[in-house]
Amino acid sequence: FAAVMDATLGEWSVVSNLPYNVATPIVMRLLDDAPHVRS
C-alpha cells in the first residue's frame, strides 16, 4: 500500500465496493499497513 499511495502527499481515503469474500481481510490490511488512510 505504501507503493500505491504516496503518504508524503498527505492523507488518503478509501472508497470501494469490496468483493464480499475478501472485504474483511482487505479492511484489516488497510488498518494495519496503511496509517495514511484516515477514512
Full PDB file with SEQRES, HELIX, SHEET, SSBOND, CRYST1, ORIGX, SCALE, CONECT and MASTER records, all heavy atoms in Angstrom:
SEQRES   1 A   39  PHE ALA ALA VAL MET ASP ALA THR LEU GLY GLU TRP SER          
SEQRES   2 A   39  VAL VAL SER ASN LEU PRO TYR ASN VAL ALA THR PRO ILE          
SEQRES   3 A   39  VAL MET ARG LEU LEU ASP ASP ALA PRO HIS VAL ARG SER          
HELIX    1 AA1 ALA A    7  LEU A    9  5                                   3    
HELIX    2 AA2 TYR A   20  VAL A   22  5                                   3    
HELIX    3 AA3 ALA A   23  ASP A   33  1                                  11    
CRYST1    1.000    1.000    1.000  90.00  90.00  90.00 P 1           1          
ORIGX1      1.000000  0.000000  0.000000        0.00000                         
ORIGX2      0.000000  1.000000  0.000000        0.00000                         
ORIGX3      0.000000  0.000000  1.000000        0.00000                         
SCALE1      1.000000  0.000000  0.000000        0.00000                         
SCALE2      0.000000  1.000000  0.000000        0.00000                         
SCALE3      0.000000  0.000000  1.000000        0.00000                         
ATOM      1  N   PHE A   1       0.818  -1.212   0.000  1.00  0.00           N  
ATOM      2  CA  PHE A   1       0.000   0.000   0.000  1.00  0.00           C  
ATOM      3  C   PHE A   1       0.854   1.265   0.000  1.00  0.00           C  
ATOM      4  O   PHE A   1       0.447   2.297  -0.554  1.00  0.00           O  
ATOM      5  CB  PHE A   1      -0.944   0.009   1.196  1.00  0.00           C  
ATOM      6  CG  PHE A   1      -2.130  -0.902   1.051  1.00  0.00           C  
ATOM      7  CD1 PHE A   1      -2.407  -1.861   2.020  1.00  0.00           C  
ATOM      8  CD2 PHE A   1      -2.967  -0.814  -0.044  1.00  0.00           C  
ATOM      9  CE1 PHE A   1      -3.504  -2.700   1.894  1.00  0.00           C  
ATOM     10  CE2 PHE A   1      -4.054  -1.653  -0.190  1.00  0.00           C  
ATOM     11  CZ  PHE A   1      -4.332  -2.598   0.787  1.00  0.00           C  
ATOM     12  N   ALA A   2       2.029   1.205   0.605  1.00  0.00           N  
ATOM     13  CA  ALA A   2       2.902   2.377   0.613  1.00  0.00           C  
ATOM     14  C   ALA A   2       3.350   2.742  -0.801  1.00  0.00           C  
ATOM     15  O   ALA A   2       3.556   3.923  -1.111  1.00  0.00           O  
ATOM     16  CB  ALA A   2       4.119   2.122   1.506  1.00  0.00           C  
ATOM     17  N   ALA A   3       3.492   1.730  -1.658  1.00  0.00           N  
ATOM     18  CA  ALA A   3       3.879   1.987  -3.041  1.00  0.00           C  
ATOM     19  C   ALA A   3       2.704   2.526  -3.861  1.00  0.00           C  
ATOM     20  O   ALA A   3       2.899   3.313  -4.793  1.00  0.00           O  
ATOM     21  CB  ALA A   3       4.423   0.705  -3.670  1.00  0.00           C  
ATOM     22  N   VAL A   4       1.505   2.117  -3.522  1.00  0.00           N  
ATOM     23  CA  VAL A   4       0.317   2.541  -4.269  1.00  0.00           C  
ATOM     24  C   VAL A   4      -0.122   3.940  -3.854  1.00  0.00           C  
ATOM     25  O   VAL A   4      -0.548   4.753  -4.679  1.00  0.00           O  
ATOM     26  CB  VAL A   4      -0.835   1.538  -4.055  1.00  0.00           C  
ATOM     27  CG1 VAL A   4      -2.128   2.044  -4.689  1.00  0.00           C  
ATOM     28  CG2 VAL A   4      -0.465   0.183  -4.645  1.00  0.00           C  
ATOM     29  N   MET A   5      -0.037   4.231  -2.549  1.00  0.00           N  
ATOM     30  CA  MET A   5      -0.474   5.522  -2.024  1.00  0.00           C  
ATOM     31  C   MET A   5       0.719   6.241  -1.407  1.00  0.00           C  
ATOM     32  O   MET A   5       1.264   5.791  -0.397  1.00  0.00           O  
ATOM     33  CB  MET A   5      -1.566   5.325  -0.965  1.00  0.00           C  
ATOM     34  CG  MET A   5      -2.848   4.722  -1.482  1.00  0.00           C  
ATOM     35  SD  MET A   5      -4.051   4.423  -0.140  1.00  0.00           S  
ATOM     36  CE  MET A   5      -3.335   2.941   0.617  1.00  0.00           C  
ATOM     37  N   ASP A   6       1.115   7.336  -1.986  1.00  0.00           N  
ATOM     38  CA  ASP A   6       2.259   8.098  -1.504  1.00  0.00           C  
ATOM     39  C   ASP A   6       1.855   8.889  -0.258  1.00  0.00           C  
ATOM     40  O   ASP A   6       1.118   9.880  -0.342  1.00  0.00           O  
ATOM     41  CB  ASP A   6       2.736   9.049  -2.606  1.00  0.00           C  
ATOM     42  CG  ASP A   6       4.012   9.779  -2.241  1.00  0.00           C  
ATOM     43  OD1 ASP A   6       4.435   9.684  -1.070  1.00  0.00           O  
ATOM     44  OD2 ASP A   6       4.574  10.453  -3.122  1.00  0.00           O  
ATOM     45  N   ALA A   7       2.333   8.457   0.899  1.00  0.00           N  
ATOM     46  CA  ALA A   7       1.957   9.103   2.149  1.00  0.00           C  
ATOM     47  C   ALA A   7       2.505  10.516   2.261  1.00  0.00           C  
ATOM     48  O   ALA A   7       1.973  11.330   3.026  1.00  0.00           O  
ATOM     49  CB  ALA A   7       2.440   8.268   3.336  1.00  0.00           C  
ATOM     50  N   THR A   8       3.548  10.836   1.484  1.00  0.00           N  
ATOM     51  CA  THR A   8       4.110  12.189   1.552  1.00  0.00           C  
ATOM     52  C   THR A   8       3.150  13.223   0.984  1.00  0.00           C  
ATOM     53  O   THR A   8       3.311  14.428   1.229  1.00  0.00           O  
ATOM     54  CB  THR A   8       5.443  12.268   0.790  1.00  0.00           C  
ATOM     55  OG1 THR A   8       5.220  12.037  -0.606  1.00  0.00           O  
ATOM     56  CG2 THR A   8       6.430  11.242   1.332  1.00  0.00           C  
ATOM     57  N   LEU A   9       2.151  12.774   0.239  1.00  0.00           N  
ATOM     58  CA  LEU A   9       1.164  13.702  -0.319  1.00  0.00           C  
ATOM     59  C   LEU A   9       0.107  14.106   0.704  1.00  0.00           C  
ATOM     60  O   LEU A   9      -0.669  15.028   0.469  1.00  0.00           O  
ATOM     61  CB  LEU A   9       0.469  13.052  -1.533  1.00  0.00           C  
ATOM     62  CG  LEU A   9       1.361  12.711  -2.721  1.00  0.00           C  
ATOM     63  CD1 LEU A   9       0.550  11.987  -3.795  1.00  0.00           C  
ATOM     64  CD2 LEU A   9       2.008  13.975  -3.287  1.00  0.00           C  
ATOM     65  N   GLY A  10       0.062  13.392   1.830  1.00  0.00           N  
ATOM     66  CA  GLY A  10      -0.937  13.685   2.859  1.00  0.00           C  
ATOM     67  C   GLY A  10      -1.878  12.513   3.066  1.00  0.00           C  
ATOM     68  O   GLY A  10      -1.568  11.367   2.723  1.00  0.00           O  
ATOM     69  N   GLU A  11      -3.036  12.814   3.622  1.00  0.00           N  
ATOM     70  CA  GLU A  11      -3.993  11.774   3.967  1.00  0.00           C  
ATOM     71  C   GLU A  11      -4.728  11.247   2.736  1.00  0.00           C  
ATOM     72  O   GLU A  11      -4.934  11.959   1.752  1.00  0.00           O  
ATOM     73  CB  GLU A  11      -5.015  12.318   4.976  1.00  0.00           C  
ATOM     74  CG  GLU A  11      -4.392  12.711   6.300  1.00  0.00           C  
ATOM     75  CD  GLU A  11      -5.416  13.222   7.296  1.00  0.00           C  
ATOM     76  OE1 GLU A  11      -6.600  13.374   6.913  1.00  0.00           O  
ATOM     77  OE2 GLU A  11      -5.040  13.474   8.455  1.00  0.00           O  
ATOM     78  N   TRP A  12      -5.147   9.987   2.840  1.00  0.00           N  
ATOM     79  CA  TRP A  12      -5.905   9.327   1.788  1.00  0.00           C  
ATOM     80  C   TRP A  12      -7.231   8.826   2.361  1.00  0.00           C  
ATOM     81  O   TRP A  12      -7.370   8.612   3.569  1.00  0.00           O  
ATOM     82  CB  TRP A  12      -5.127   8.128   1.242  1.00  0.00           C  
ATOM     83  CG  TRP A  12      -3.989   8.478   0.341  1.00  0.00           C  
ATOM     84  CD1 TRP A  12      -2.806   9.075   0.707  1.00  0.00           C  
ATOM     85  CD2 TRP A  12      -3.899   8.250  -1.071  1.00  0.00           C  
ATOM     86  NE1 TRP A  12      -1.996   9.229  -0.387  1.00  0.00           N  
ATOM     87  CE2 TRP A  12      -2.633   8.729  -1.494  1.00  0.00           C  
ATOM     88  CE3 TRP A  12      -4.759   7.675  -2.001  1.00  0.00           C  
ATOM     89  CZ2 TRP A  12      -2.216   8.663  -2.822  1.00  0.00           C  
ATOM     90  CZ3 TRP A  12      -4.339   7.602  -3.335  1.00  0.00           C  
ATOM     91  CH2 TRP A  12      -3.088   8.092  -3.733  1.00  0.00           C  
ATOM     92  N   SER A  13      -8.164   8.607   1.447  1.00  0.00           N  
ATOM     93  CA  SER A  13      -9.420   7.931   1.770  1.00  0.00           C  
ATOM     94  C   SER A  13      -9.547   6.701   0.877  1.00  0.00           C  
ATOM     95  O   SER A  13      -9.010   6.674  -0.236  1.00  0.00           O  
ATOM     96  CB  SER A  13     -10.625   8.846   1.537  1.00  0.00           C  
ATOM     97  OG  SER A  13     -10.577   9.980   2.377  1.00  0.00           O  
ATOM     98  N   VAL A  14     -10.250   5.710   1.372  1.00  0.00           N  
ATOM     99  CA  VAL A  14     -10.603   4.539   0.570  1.00  0.00           C  
ATOM    100  C   VAL A  14     -12.114   4.543   0.389  1.00  0.00           C  
ATOM    101  O   VAL A  14     -12.857   4.646   1.371  1.00  0.00           O  
ATOM    102  CB  VAL A  14     -10.150   3.228   1.243  1.00  0.00           C  
ATOM    103  CG1 VAL A  14     -10.753   2.020   0.532  1.00  0.00           C  
ATOM    104  CG2 VAL A  14      -8.631   3.137   1.249  1.00  0.00           C  
ATOM    105  N   VAL A  15     -12.563   4.477  -0.849  1.00  0.00           N  
ATOM    106  CA  VAL A  15     -13.989   4.385  -1.165  1.00  0.00           C  
ATOM    107  C   VAL A  15     -14.146   3.233  -2.140  1.00  0.00           C  
ATOM    108  O   VAL A  15     -13.624   3.285  -3.255  1.00  0.00           O  
ATOM    109  CB  VAL A  15     -14.537   5.693  -1.780  1.00  0.00           C  
ATOM    110  CG1 VAL A  15     -16.039   5.572  -2.024  1.00  0.00           C  
ATOM    111  CG2 VAL A  15     -14.234   6.892  -0.879  1.00  0.00           C  
ATOM    112  N   SER A  16     -14.838   2.183  -1.724  1.00  0.00           N  
ATOM    113  CA  SER A  16     -14.835   0.960  -2.531  1.00  0.00           C  
ATOM    114  C   SER A  16     -16.076   0.118  -2.325  1.00  0.00           C  
ATOM    115  O   SER A  16     -16.621   0.061  -1.220  1.00  0.00           O  
ATOM    116  CB  SER A  16     -13.612   0.084  -2.171  1.00  0.00           C  
ATOM    117  OG  SER A  16     -12.403   0.754  -2.396  1.00  0.00           O  
ATOM    118  N   ASN A  17     -16.479  -0.534  -3.411  1.00  0.00           N  
ATOM    119  CA  ASN A  17     -17.431  -1.633  -3.357  1.00  0.00           C  
ATOM    120  C   ASN A  17     -16.584  -2.897  -3.315  1.00  0.00           C  
ATOM    121  O   ASN A  17     -16.121  -3.374  -4.348  1.00  0.00           O  
ATOM    122  CB  ASN A  17     -18.339  -1.606  -4.591  1.00  0.00           C  
ATOM    123  CG  ASN A  17     -19.238  -2.822  -4.707  1.00  0.00           C  
ATOM    124  OD1 ASN A  17     -19.485  -3.516  -3.721  1.00  0.00           O  
ATOM    125  ND2 ASN A  17     -19.712  -3.082  -5.914  1.00  0.00           N  
ATOM    126  N   LEU A  18     -16.343  -3.407  -2.115  1.00  0.00           N  
ATOM    127  CA  LEU A  18     -15.392  -4.502  -1.951  1.00  0.00           C  
ATOM    128  C   LEU A  18     -16.013  -5.852  -2.298  1.00  0.00           C  
ATOM    129  O   LEU A  18     -17.180  -6.108  -1.965  1.00  0.00           O  
ATOM    130  CB  LEU A  18     -14.882  -4.544  -0.511  1.00  0.00           C  
ATOM    131  CG  LEU A  18     -14.033  -3.351  -0.048  1.00  0.00           C  
ATOM    132  CD1 LEU A  18     -13.676  -3.503   1.418  1.00  0.00           C  
ATOM    133  CD2 LEU A  18     -12.775  -3.207  -0.894  1.00  0.00           C  
ATOM    134  N   PRO A  19     -15.250  -6.739  -2.921  1.00  0.00           N  
ATOM    135  CA  PRO A  19     -15.738  -8.104  -3.123  1.00  0.00           C  
ATOM    136  C   PRO A  19     -16.089  -8.728  -1.774  1.00  0.00           C  
ATOM    137  O   PRO A  19     -15.296  -8.666  -0.825  1.00  0.00           O  
ATOM    138  CB  PRO A  19     -14.545  -8.817  -3.771  1.00  0.00           C  
ATOM    139  CG  PRO A  19     -13.726  -7.717  -4.371  1.00  0.00           C  
ATOM    140  CD  PRO A  19     -13.899  -6.543  -3.473  1.00  0.00           C  
ATOM    141  N   TYR A  20     -17.262  -9.312  -1.678  1.00  0.00           N  
ATOM    142  CA  TYR A  20     -17.745  -9.798  -0.387  1.00  0.00           C  
ATOM    143  C   TYR A  20     -16.799 -10.800   0.258  1.00  0.00           C  
ATOM    144  O   TYR A  20     -16.608 -10.796   1.472  1.00  0.00           O  
ATOM    145  CB  TYR A  20     -19.122 -10.455  -0.549  1.00  0.00           C  
ATOM    146  CG  TYR A  20     -20.251  -9.499  -0.847  1.00  0.00           C  
ATOM    147  CD1 TYR A  20     -21.387  -9.939  -1.505  1.00  0.00           C  
ATOM    148  CD2 TYR A  20     -20.189  -8.166  -0.459  1.00  0.00           C  
ATOM    149  CE1 TYR A  20     -22.439  -9.072  -1.769  1.00  0.00           C  
ATOM    150  CE2 TYR A  20     -21.225  -7.299  -0.724  1.00  0.00           C  
ATOM    151  CZ  TYR A  20     -22.354  -7.753  -1.385  1.00  0.00           C  
ATOM    152  OH  TYR A  20     -23.380  -6.901  -1.652  1.00  0.00           O  
ATOM    153  N   ASN A  21     -16.189 -11.659  -0.558  1.00  0.00           N  
ATOM    154  CA  ASN A  21     -15.415 -12.766   0.015  1.00  0.00           C  
ATOM    155  C   ASN A  21     -14.068 -12.340   0.593  1.00  0.00           C  
ATOM    156  O   ASN A  21     -13.434 -13.111   1.322  1.00  0.00           O  
ATOM    157  CB  ASN A  21     -15.218 -13.871  -1.031  1.00  0.00           C  
ATOM    158  CG  ASN A  21     -14.538 -13.377  -2.298  1.00  0.00           C  
ATOM    159  OD1 ASN A  21     -14.564 -12.190  -2.600  1.00  0.00           O  
ATOM    160  ND2 ASN A  21     -13.947 -14.282  -3.047  1.00  0.00           N  
ATOM    161  N   VAL A  22     -13.618 -11.120   0.300  1.00  0.00           N  
ATOM    162  CA  VAL A  22     -12.320 -10.673   0.831  1.00  0.00           C  
ATOM    163  C   VAL A  22     -12.431  -9.308   1.517  1.00  0.00           C  
ATOM    164  O   VAL A  22     -11.408  -8.691   1.830  1.00  0.00           O  
ATOM    165  CB  VAL A  22     -11.246 -10.613  -0.286  1.00  0.00           C  
ATOM    166  CG1 VAL A  22     -10.888 -12.012  -0.752  1.00  0.00           C  
ATOM    167  CG2 VAL A  22     -11.703  -9.744  -1.450  1.00  0.00           C  
ATOM    168  N   ALA A  23     -13.635  -8.837   1.780  1.00  0.00           N  
ATOM    169  CA  ALA A  23     -13.816  -7.492   2.333  1.00  0.00           C  
ATOM    170  C   ALA A  23     -13.134  -7.327   3.682  1.00  0.00           C  
ATOM    171  O   ALA A  23     -12.411  -6.349   3.915  1.00  0.00           O  
ATOM    172  CB  ALA A  23     -15.304  -7.174   2.449  1.00  0.00           C  
ATOM    173  N   THR A  24     -13.344  -8.281   4.582  1.00  0.00           N  
ATOM    174  CA  THR A  24     -12.772  -8.142   5.929  1.00  0.00           C  
ATOM    175  C   THR A  24     -11.253  -8.147   5.913  1.00  0.00           C  
ATOM    176  O   THR A  24     -10.633  -7.248   6.510  1.00  0.00           O  
ATOM    177  CB  THR A  24     -13.321  -9.237   6.859  1.00  0.00           C  
ATOM    178  OG1 THR A  24     -14.735  -9.070   7.000  1.00  0.00           O  
ATOM    179  CG2 THR A  24     -12.679  -9.145   8.236  1.00  0.00           C  
ATOM    180  N   PRO A  25     -10.578  -9.093   5.265  1.00  0.00           N  
ATOM    181  CA  PRO A  25      -9.112  -9.043   5.270  1.00  0.00           C  
ATOM    182  C   PRO A  25      -8.542  -7.796   4.601  1.00  0.00           C  
ATOM    183  O   PRO A  25      -7.482  -7.306   5.002  1.00  0.00           O  
ATOM    184  CB  PRO A  25      -8.686 -10.323   4.539  1.00  0.00           C  
ATOM    185  CG  PRO A  25      -9.904 -10.841   3.859  1.00  0.00           C  
ATOM    186  CD  PRO A  25     -11.068 -10.357   4.643  1.00  0.00           C  
ATOM    187  N   ILE A  26      -9.238  -7.254   3.606  1.00  0.00           N  
ATOM    188  CA  ILE A  26      -8.749  -6.022   2.980  1.00  0.00           C  
ATOM    189  C   ILE A  26      -8.815  -4.867   3.972  1.00  0.00           C  
ATOM    190  O   ILE A  26      -7.857  -4.096   4.124  1.00  0.00           O  
ATOM    191  CB  ILE A  26      -9.551  -5.701   1.703  1.00  0.00           C  
ATOM    192  CG1 ILE A  26      -9.177  -6.665   0.581  1.00  0.00           C  
ATOM    193  CG2 ILE A  26      -9.295  -4.266   1.251  1.00  0.00           C  
ATOM    194  CD1 ILE A  26     -10.011  -6.502  -0.684  1.00  0.00           C  
ATOM    195  N   VAL A  27      -9.930  -4.731   4.674  1.00  0.00           N  
ATOM    196  CA  VAL A  27     -10.052  -3.660   5.668  1.00  0.00           C  
ATOM    197  C   VAL A  27      -9.018  -3.837   6.772  1.00  0.00           C  
ATOM    198  O   VAL A  27      -8.386  -2.865   7.215  1.00  0.00           O  
ATOM    199  CB  VAL A  27     -11.478  -3.621   6.241  1.00  0.00           C  
ATOM    200  CG1 VAL A  27     -11.551  -2.704   7.469  1.00  0.00           C  
ATOM    201  CG2 VAL A  27     -12.471  -3.147   5.181  1.00  0.00           C  
ATOM    202  N   MET A  28      -8.805  -5.072   7.213  1.00  0.00           N  
ATOM    203  CA  MET A  28      -7.806  -5.319   8.248  1.00  0.00           C  
ATOM    204  C   MET A  28      -6.404  -4.930   7.771  1.00  0.00           C  
ATOM    205  O   MET A  28      -5.609  -4.344   8.522  1.00  0.00           O  
ATOM    206  CB  MET A  28      -7.816  -6.798   8.660  1.00  0.00           C  
ATOM    207  CG  MET A  28      -9.092  -7.283   9.323  1.00  0.00           C  
ATOM    208  SD  MET A  28      -9.504  -6.440  10.876  1.00  0.00           S  
ATOM    209  CE  MET A  28     -10.752  -5.312  10.308  1.00  0.00           C  
ATOM    210  N   ARG A  29      -6.077  -5.247   6.533  1.00  0.00           N  
ATOM    211  CA  ARG A  29      -4.767  -4.880   5.978  1.00  0.00           C  
ATOM    212  C   ARG A  29      -4.607  -3.373   5.927  1.00  0.00           C  
ATOM    213  O   ARG A  29      -3.525  -2.828   6.240  1.00  0.00           O  
ATOM    214  CB  ARG A  29      -4.594  -5.432   4.563  1.00  0.00           C  
ATOM    215  CG  ARG A  29      -4.176  -6.879   4.458  1.00  0.00           C  
ATOM    216  CD  ARG A  29      -3.395  -7.104   3.164  1.00  0.00           C  
ATOM    217  NE  ARG A  29      -2.080  -6.474   3.232  1.00  0.00           N  
ATOM    218  CZ  ARG A  29      -1.445  -5.953   2.165  1.00  0.00           C  
ATOM    219  NH1 ARG A  29      -1.998  -5.973   0.973  1.00  0.00           N  
ATOM    220  NH2 ARG A  29      -0.258  -5.398   2.308  1.00  0.00           N  
ATOM    221  N   LEU A  30      -5.632  -2.671   5.528  1.00  0.00           N  
ATOM    222  CA  LEU A  30      -5.554  -1.208   5.455  1.00  0.00           C  
ATOM    223  C   LEU A  30      -5.330  -0.608   6.841  1.00  0.00           C  
ATOM    224  O   LEU A  30      -4.539   0.332   7.005  1.00  0.00           O  
ATOM    225  CB  LEU A  30      -6.833  -0.649   4.833  1.00  0.00           C  
ATOM    226  CG  LEU A  30      -6.974  -0.852   3.320  1.00  0.00           C  
ATOM    227  CD1 LEU A  30      -8.424  -0.654   2.885  1.00  0.00           C  
ATOM    228  CD2 LEU A  30      -6.053   0.104   2.562  1.00  0.00           C  
ATOM    229  N   LEU A  31      -6.012  -1.144   7.843  1.00  0.00           N  
ATOM    230  CA  LEU A  31      -5.828  -0.637   9.201  1.00  0.00           C  
ATOM    231  C   LEU A  31      -4.422  -0.919   9.717  1.00  0.00           C  
ATOM    232  O   LEU A  31      -3.798  -0.076  10.366  1.00  0.00           O  
ATOM    233  CB  LEU A  31      -6.879  -1.253  10.135  1.00  0.00           C  
ATOM    234  CG  LEU A  31      -8.321  -0.787   9.902  1.00  0.00           C  
ATOM    235  CD1 LEU A  31      -9.284  -1.604  10.745  1.00  0.00           C  
ATOM    236  CD2 LEU A  31      -8.483   0.701  10.205  1.00  0.00           C  
ATOM    237  N   ASP A  32      -3.911  -2.101   9.435  1.00  0.00           N  
ATOM    238  CA  ASP A  32      -2.585  -2.489   9.911  1.00  0.00           C  
ATOM    239  C   ASP A  32      -1.457  -1.782   9.165  1.00  0.00           C  
ATOM    240  O   ASP A  32      -0.477  -1.346   9.769  1.00  0.00           O  
ATOM    241  CB  ASP A  32      -2.381  -4.001   9.745  1.00  0.00           C  
ATOM    242  CG  ASP A  32      -3.082  -4.833  10.809  1.00  0.00           C  
ATOM    243  OD1 ASP A  32      -3.282  -4.330  11.926  1.00  0.00           O  
ATOM    244  OD2 ASP A  32      -3.433  -5.995  10.505  1.00  0.00           O  
ATOM    245  N   ASP A  33      -1.593  -1.697   7.825  1.00  0.00           N  
ATOM    246  CA  ASP A  33      -0.446  -1.367   6.978  1.00  0.00           C  
ATOM    247  C   ASP A  33      -0.518   0.001   6.296  1.00  0.00           C  
ATOM    248  O   ASP A  33       0.453   0.391   5.634  1.00  0.00           O  
ATOM    249  CB  ASP A  33      -0.282  -2.435   5.889  1.00  0.00           C  
ATOM    250  CG  ASP A  33      -0.068  -3.828   6.453  1.00  0.00           C  
ATOM    251  OD1 ASP A  33       0.373  -3.924   7.612  1.00  0.00           O  
ATOM    252  OD2 ASP A  33      -0.347  -4.811   5.733  1.00  0.00           O  
ATOM    253  N   ALA A  34      -1.633   0.710   6.411  1.00  0.00           N  
ATOM    254  CA  ALA A  34      -1.764   1.981   5.700  1.00  0.00           C  
ATOM    255  C   ALA A  34      -2.258   3.079   6.636  1.00  0.00           C  
ATOM    256  O   ALA A  34      -3.396   3.545   6.528  1.00  0.00           O  
ATOM    257  CB  ALA A  34      -2.716   1.821   4.506  1.00  0.00           C  
ATOM    258  N   PRO A  35      -1.397   3.523   7.558  1.00  0.00           N  
ATOM    259  CA  PRO A  35      -1.827   4.541   8.520  1.00  0.00           C  
ATOM    260  C   PRO A  35      -2.181   5.881   7.886  1.00  0.00           C  
ATOM    261  O   PRO A  35      -2.873   6.696   8.508  1.00  0.00           O  
ATOM    262  CB  PRO A  35      -0.609   4.673   9.451  1.00  0.00           C  
ATOM    263  CG  PRO A  35       0.548   4.161   8.657  1.00  0.00           C  
ATOM    264  CD  PRO A  35      -0.004   3.081   7.795  1.00  0.00           C  
ATOM    265  N   HIS A  36      -1.729   6.123   6.655  1.00  0.00           N  
ATOM    266  CA  HIS A  36      -2.064   7.369   5.967  1.00  0.00           C  
ATOM    267  C   HIS A  36      -3.497   7.356   5.429  1.00  0.00           C  
ATOM    268  O   HIS A  36      -3.984   8.389   4.986  1.00  0.00           O  
ATOM    269  CB  HIS A  36      -1.076   7.635   4.835  1.00  0.00           C  
ATOM    270  CG  HIS A  36      -0.820   6.458   3.954  1.00  0.00           C  
ATOM    271  ND1 HIS A  36      -0.143   5.335   4.388  1.00  0.00           N  
ATOM    272  CD2 HIS A  36      -1.156   6.209   2.671  1.00  0.00           C  
ATOM    273  CE1 HIS A  36      -0.061   4.460   3.409  1.00  0.00           C  
ATOM    274  NE2 HIS A  36      -0.679   4.954   2.361  1.00  0.00           N  
ATOM    275  N   VAL A  37      -4.155   6.191   5.452  1.00  0.00           N  
ATOM    276  CA  VAL A  37      -5.586   6.132   5.124  1.00  0.00           C  
ATOM    277  C   VAL A  37      -6.358   6.542   6.370  1.00  0.00           C  
ATOM    278  O   VAL A  37      -6.422   5.799   7.345  1.00  0.00           O  
ATOM    279  CB  VAL A  37      -6.001   4.720   4.658  1.00  0.00           C  
ATOM    280  CG1 VAL A  37      -7.518   4.633   4.519  1.00  0.00           C  
ATOM    281  CG2 VAL A  37      -5.325   4.384   3.341  1.00  0.00           C  
ATOM    282  N   ARG A  38      -6.939   7.727   6.328  1.00  0.00           N  
ATOM    283  CA  ARG A  38      -7.617   8.271   7.501  1.00  0.00           C  
ATOM    284  C   ARG A  38      -9.089   7.912   7.545  1.00  0.00           C  
ATOM    285  O   ARG A  38      -9.718   7.967   8.603  1.00  0.00           O  
ATOM    286  CB  ARG A  38      -7.458   9.796   7.549  1.00  0.00           C  
ATOM    287  CG  ARG A  38      -6.033  10.279   7.493  1.00  0.00           C  
ATOM    288  CD  ARG A  38      -5.133   9.600   8.515  1.00  0.00           C  
ATOM    289  NE  ARG A  38      -5.591   9.786   9.891  1.00  0.00           N  
ATOM    290  CZ  ARG A  38      -5.021   9.250  10.950  1.00  0.00           C  
ATOM    291  NH1 ARG A  38      -4.000   8.430  10.793  1.00  0.00           N  
ATOM    292  NH2 ARG A  38      -5.476   9.490  12.164  1.00  0.00           N  
ATOM    293  N   SER A  39      -9.680   7.579   6.406  1.00  0.00           N  
ATOM    294  CA  SER A  39     -11.093   7.222   6.400  1.00  0.00           C  
ATOM    295  C   SER A  39     -11.370   6.213   5.302  1.00  0.00           C  
ATOM    296  O   SER A  39     -10.662   6.159   4.293  1.00  0.00           O  
ATOM    297  CB  SER A  39     -11.985   8.458   6.202  1.00  0.00           C  
ATOM    298  OG  SER A  39     -11.832   8.989   4.897  1.00  0.00           O  
TER     299      SER A  39                                                      
MASTER        0    0    0    3    0    0    0    6  298    1    0    3          
END                                                                             
